[in-house]
Structures are given as structure tokens and as C-alpha cells.
Amino acid sequence: MALPVRRGQEKCVLKVSWPQETSSCYEALALETWNGRSAVRLLESSPADGALLLERADSRRPLRSLASVKPESSPHSQ
């Protein structure tokens, strides 16, 4: 399930799944690795709880536009 939420003034999406599903752990790792390149950014995660807080793509900045974003350093790229 994905719900629109806000973190302060930032528009986000809270994605929740069953905590027993290991897919949320792999999804969090993939999104963290991609770090906004061709995907939404992972803002926070709690895979043990099945929760991912993601940036929200909208009509002003559709997902397709994220492919041209230059990569920022990721914790996994160091």
C-alpha cells in the first residue's frame, strides 16, 4: 500500500507492506543504490517494519525526468 504523506513541507509517499516480506529489504537496498537515478529517492526505511518513505513524483516532475538527474554520492558508492 502506498499513501501520500508529508515530512515537513516535503511531499512523500509512505509505502508499507507485510513486515515478513523480504522484498521490502531488497527494494530499500535497490532504491538506496540508485539514489534517485531513474527512480524516486529513498528518504527513510524500516524494512523490518515493511515501511519505506519515498520522494513523491508528480506531474511537475514525472518519474521519466528522474533519469537525467546526476548521481549524488551514495553510502554504497564509497
N, C-alpha and C. Protein backbone atom coordinates (compact mmCIF):
# COMPACT_ATOMS: atom_id res chain seq x y z
N MET A 1 0.85 -1.14 0.00
CA MET A 1 0.00 0.00 0.00
C MET A 1 0.91 1.22 0.00
N ALA A 2 0.57 2.24 -0.76
CA ALA A 2 1.33 3.49 -0.81
C ALA A 2 0.39 4.64 -0.49
N LEU A 3 0.80 5.45 0.48
CA LEU A 3 -0.02 6.56 0.94
C LEU A 3 0.73 7.88 0.77
N PRO A 4 0.06 8.92 0.24
CA PRO A 4 0.71 10.22 0.17
C PRO A 4 0.81 10.82 1.57
N VAL A 5 2.00 11.29 1.92
CA VAL A 5 2.24 11.91 3.24
C VAL A 5 3.16 13.11 3.05
N ARG A 6 3.38 13.84 4.12
CA ARG A 6 4.33 14.97 4.12
C ARG A 6 5.32 14.77 5.25
N ARG A 7 6.55 15.16 4.98
CA ARG A 7 7.58 15.22 6.01
C ARG A 7 7.98 16.69 6.05
N GLY A 8 7.41 17.41 6.99
CA GLY A 8 7.54 18.87 6.98
C GLY A 8 6.77 19.40 5.78
N GLN A 9 7.45 20.14 4.92
CA GLN A 9 6.82 20.66 3.69
C GLN A 9 7.06 19.75 2.49
N GLU A 10 7.86 18.71 2.67
CA GLU A 10 8.22 17.81 1.57
C GLU A 10 7.10 16.78 1.31
N LYS A 11 6.68 16.69 0.06
CA LYS A 11 5.68 15.69 -0.31
C LYS A 11 6.38 14.35 -0.49
N CYS A 12 5.83 13.33 0.16
CA CYS A 12 6.44 12.00 0.15
C CYS A 12 5.36 10.94 -0.07
N VAL A 13 5.81 9.72 -0.17
CA VAL A 13 4.93 8.56 -0.22
C VAL A 13 5.42 7.56 0.82
N LEU A 14 4.52 7.09 1.65
CA LEU A 14 4.84 6.04 2.62
C LEU A 14 4.35 4.73 2.03
N LYS A 15 5.29 3.87 1.72
CA LYS A 15 4.94 2.55 1.16
C LYS A 15 5.08 1.52 2.28
N VAL A 16 4.01 0.80 2.53
CA VAL A 16 4.02 -0.21 3.58
C VAL A 16 3.65 -1.57 3.00
N SER A 17 4.28 -2.60 3.54
CA SER A 17 3.99 -3.97 3.13
C SER A 17 4.05 -4.85 4.37
N TRP A 18 3.76 -6.11 4.19
CA TRP A 18 3.84 -7.03 5.33
C TRP A 18 5.28 -7.13 5.78
N PRO A 19 5.54 -6.97 7.07
CA PRO A 19 6.92 -6.99 7.56
C PRO A 19 7.67 -8.30 7.25
N GLN A 20 6.97 -9.39 7.11
CA GLN A 20 7.61 -10.68 6.84
C GLN A 20 8.16 -10.77 5.41
N GLU A 21 7.70 -9.90 4.51
CA GLU A 21 8.15 -9.95 3.13
C GLU A 21 9.58 -9.42 3.03
N THR A 22 10.47 -10.23 2.50
CA THR A 22 11.85 -9.79 2.36
C THR A 22 12.02 -8.83 1.18
N SER A 23 11.01 -8.71 0.34
CA SER A 23 11.14 -7.84 -0.83
C SER A 23 11.35 -6.39 -0.45
N SER A 24 10.79 -5.92 0.68
CA SER A 24 10.98 -4.52 1.07
C SER A 24 12.43 -4.25 1.43
N CYS A 25 13.13 -5.24 1.96
CA CYS A 25 14.56 -5.09 2.26
C CYS A 25 15.35 -4.91 0.97
N TYR A 26 15.05 -5.75 -0.04
CA TYR A 26 15.74 -5.65 -1.32
C TYR A 26 15.36 -4.37 -2.05
N GLU A 27 14.11 -3.97 -1.95
CA GLU A 27 13.66 -2.74 -2.58
C GLU A 27 14.38 -1.54 -1.96
N ALA A 28 14.50 -1.51 -0.66
CA ALA A 28 15.20 -0.42 0.02
C ALA A 28 16.66 -0.37 -0.43
N LEU A 29 17.31 -1.51 -0.52
CA LEU A 29 18.70 -1.56 -0.96
C LEU A 29 18.85 -1.06 -2.39
N ALA A 30 17.94 -1.48 -3.27
CA ALA A 30 17.99 -1.04 -4.66
C ALA A 30 17.77 0.46 -4.78
N LEU A 31 16.76 0.98 -4.10
CA LEU A 31 16.47 2.42 -4.17
C LEU A 31 17.61 3.24 -3.57
N GLU A 32 18.21 2.74 -2.51
CA GLU A 32 19.35 3.44 -1.91
C GLU A 32 20.53 3.45 -2.89
N THR A 33 20.74 2.36 -3.57
CA THR A 33 21.83 2.26 -4.54
C THR A 33 21.59 3.17 -5.74
N TRP A 34 20.37 3.19 -6.26
CA TRP A 34 20.04 4.02 -7.42
C TRP A 34 20.06 5.50 -7.05
N ASN A 35 19.74 5.82 -5.80
CA ASN A 35 19.83 7.18 -5.27
C ASN A 35 19.21 8.25 -6.17
N GLY A 36 18.00 7.97 -6.66
CA GLY A 36 17.29 8.96 -7.47
C GLY A 36 17.58 8.90 -8.95
N ARG A 37 18.43 8.00 -9.40
CA ARG A 37 18.71 7.86 -10.83
C ARG A 37 17.68 6.91 -11.43
N SER A 38 16.78 7.46 -12.22
CA SER A 38 15.72 6.69 -12.88
C SER A 38 14.74 6.07 -11.90
N ALA A 39 14.69 6.59 -10.71
CA ALA A 39 13.78 6.08 -9.67
C ALA A 39 13.58 7.19 -8.65
N VAL A 40 12.54 7.06 -7.86
CA VAL A 40 12.36 8.01 -6.77
C VAL A 40 13.44 7.75 -5.72
N ARG A 41 13.76 8.78 -4.94
CA ARG A 41 14.74 8.63 -3.88
C ARG A 41 14.12 7.98 -2.65
N LEU A 42 14.88 7.14 -2.02
CA LEU A 42 14.51 6.57 -0.73
C LEU A 42 14.93 7.56 0.32
N LEU A 43 13.97 8.06 1.09
CA LEU A 43 14.25 9.06 2.12
C LEU A 43 14.56 8.42 3.46
N GLU A 44 13.79 7.42 3.82
CA GLU A 44 14.00 6.66 5.06
C GLU A 44 13.43 5.27 4.85
N SER A 45 13.91 4.32 5.63
CA SER A 45 13.36 2.97 5.52
C SER A 45 13.42 2.25 6.85
N SER A 46 12.48 1.34 6.99
CA SER A 46 12.46 0.41 8.12
C SER A 46 11.98 -0.93 7.55
N PRO A 47 12.87 -1.63 6.83
CA PRO A 47 12.47 -2.89 6.20
C PRO A 47 11.89 -3.90 7.19
N ALA A 48 12.39 -3.90 8.42
CA ALA A 48 11.87 -4.83 9.43
C ALA A 48 10.39 -4.57 9.70
N ASP A 49 9.97 -3.30 9.54
CA ASP A 49 8.56 -2.94 9.73
C ASP A 49 7.80 -2.92 8.41
N GLY A 50 8.51 -3.16 7.29
CA GLY A 50 7.85 -3.12 5.99
C GLY A 50 7.51 -1.72 5.53
N ALA A 51 8.30 -0.71 5.95
CA ALA A 51 7.98 0.69 5.64
C ALA A 51 9.11 1.36 4.87
N LEU A 52 8.73 2.05 3.80
CA LEU A 52 9.67 2.84 3.00
C LEU A 52 9.08 4.23 2.83
N LEU A 53 9.86 5.26 3.12
CA LEU A 53 9.43 6.64 2.87
C LEU A 53 10.16 7.09 1.61
N LEU A 54 9.38 7.42 0.59
CA LEU A 54 9.92 7.74 -0.72
C LEU A 54 9.58 9.16 -1.12
N GLU A 55 10.43 9.77 -1.97
CA GLU A 55 10.04 11.06 -2.53
C GLU A 55 8.84 10.82 -3.44
N ARG A 56 8.03 11.85 -3.60
CA ARG A 56 6.82 11.72 -4.41
C ARG A 56 7.07 12.31 -5.80
N ALA A 57 6.86 11.51 -6.84
CA ALA A 57 6.90 12.01 -8.21
C ALA A 57 5.51 12.56 -8.51
N ASP A 58 5.45 13.68 -9.22
CA ASP A 58 4.15 14.24 -9.57
C ASP A 58 4.21 14.80 -10.99
N SER A 59 3.14 15.45 -11.41
CA SER A 59 3.05 15.92 -12.79
C SER A 59 4.09 17.00 -13.11
N ARG A 60 4.58 17.71 -12.10
CA ARG A 60 5.62 18.72 -12.34
C ARG A 60 6.99 18.07 -12.52
N ARG A 61 7.17 16.91 -11.97
CA ARG A 61 8.45 16.21 -12.07
C ARG A 61 8.16 14.71 -12.18
N PRO A 62 7.74 14.29 -13.38
CA PRO A 62 7.39 12.88 -13.55
C PRO A 62 8.62 11.98 -13.42
N LEU A 63 8.37 10.71 -13.19
CA LEU A 63 9.43 9.73 -13.00
C LEU A 63 10.40 9.73 -14.18
N ARG A 64 9.90 9.92 -15.38
CA ARG A 64 10.75 9.91 -16.57
C ARG A 64 11.86 10.97 -16.46
N SER A 65 11.55 12.10 -15.84
CA SER A 65 12.55 13.17 -15.72
C SER A 65 13.67 12.81 -14.75
N LEU A 66 13.47 11.85 -13.90
CA LEU A 66 14.49 11.47 -12.93
C LEU A 66 15.67 10.78 -13.59
N ALA A 67 15.50 10.26 -14.79
CA ALA A 67 16.58 9.56 -15.48
C ALA A 67 17.74 10.50 -15.79
N SER A 68 17.46 11.80 -15.92
CA SER A 68 18.51 12.75 -16.26
C SER A 68 19.18 13.37 -15.04
N VAL A 69 18.78 12.98 -13.85
CA VAL A 69 19.37 13.53 -12.63
C VAL A 69 20.77 12.96 -12.46
N LYS A 70 21.74 13.84 -12.19
CA LYS A 70 23.11 13.38 -11.98
C LYS A 70 23.20 12.69 -10.62
N PRO A 71 23.96 11.60 -10.55
CA PRO A 71 24.05 10.86 -9.29
C PRO A 71 24.74 11.66 -8.21
N GLU A 72 24.24 11.52 -7.00
CA GLU A 72 24.88 12.06 -5.82
C GLU A 72 25.61 10.89 -5.17
N SER A 73 26.50 11.17 -4.28
CA SER A 73 27.21 10.07 -3.64
C SER A 73 26.23 9.28 -2.77
N SER A 74 26.36 8.00 -2.84
CA SER A 74 25.52 7.09 -2.09
C SER A 74 26.40 6.40 -1.05
N PRO A 75 25.84 6.00 0.08
CA PRO A 75 26.67 5.30 1.07
C PRO A 75 27.32 4.06 0.50
N HIS A 76 26.69 3.44 -0.51
CA HIS A 76 27.23 2.22 -1.09
C HIS A 76 28.27 2.50 -2.16
N SER A 77 28.42 3.74 -2.62
CA SER A 77 29.37 4.04 -3.68
C SER A 77 30.73 4.47 -3.15
N GLN A 78 30.89 4.48 -1.85
CA GLN A 78 32.16 4.93 -1.26
C GLN A 78 33.02 3.77 -0.91
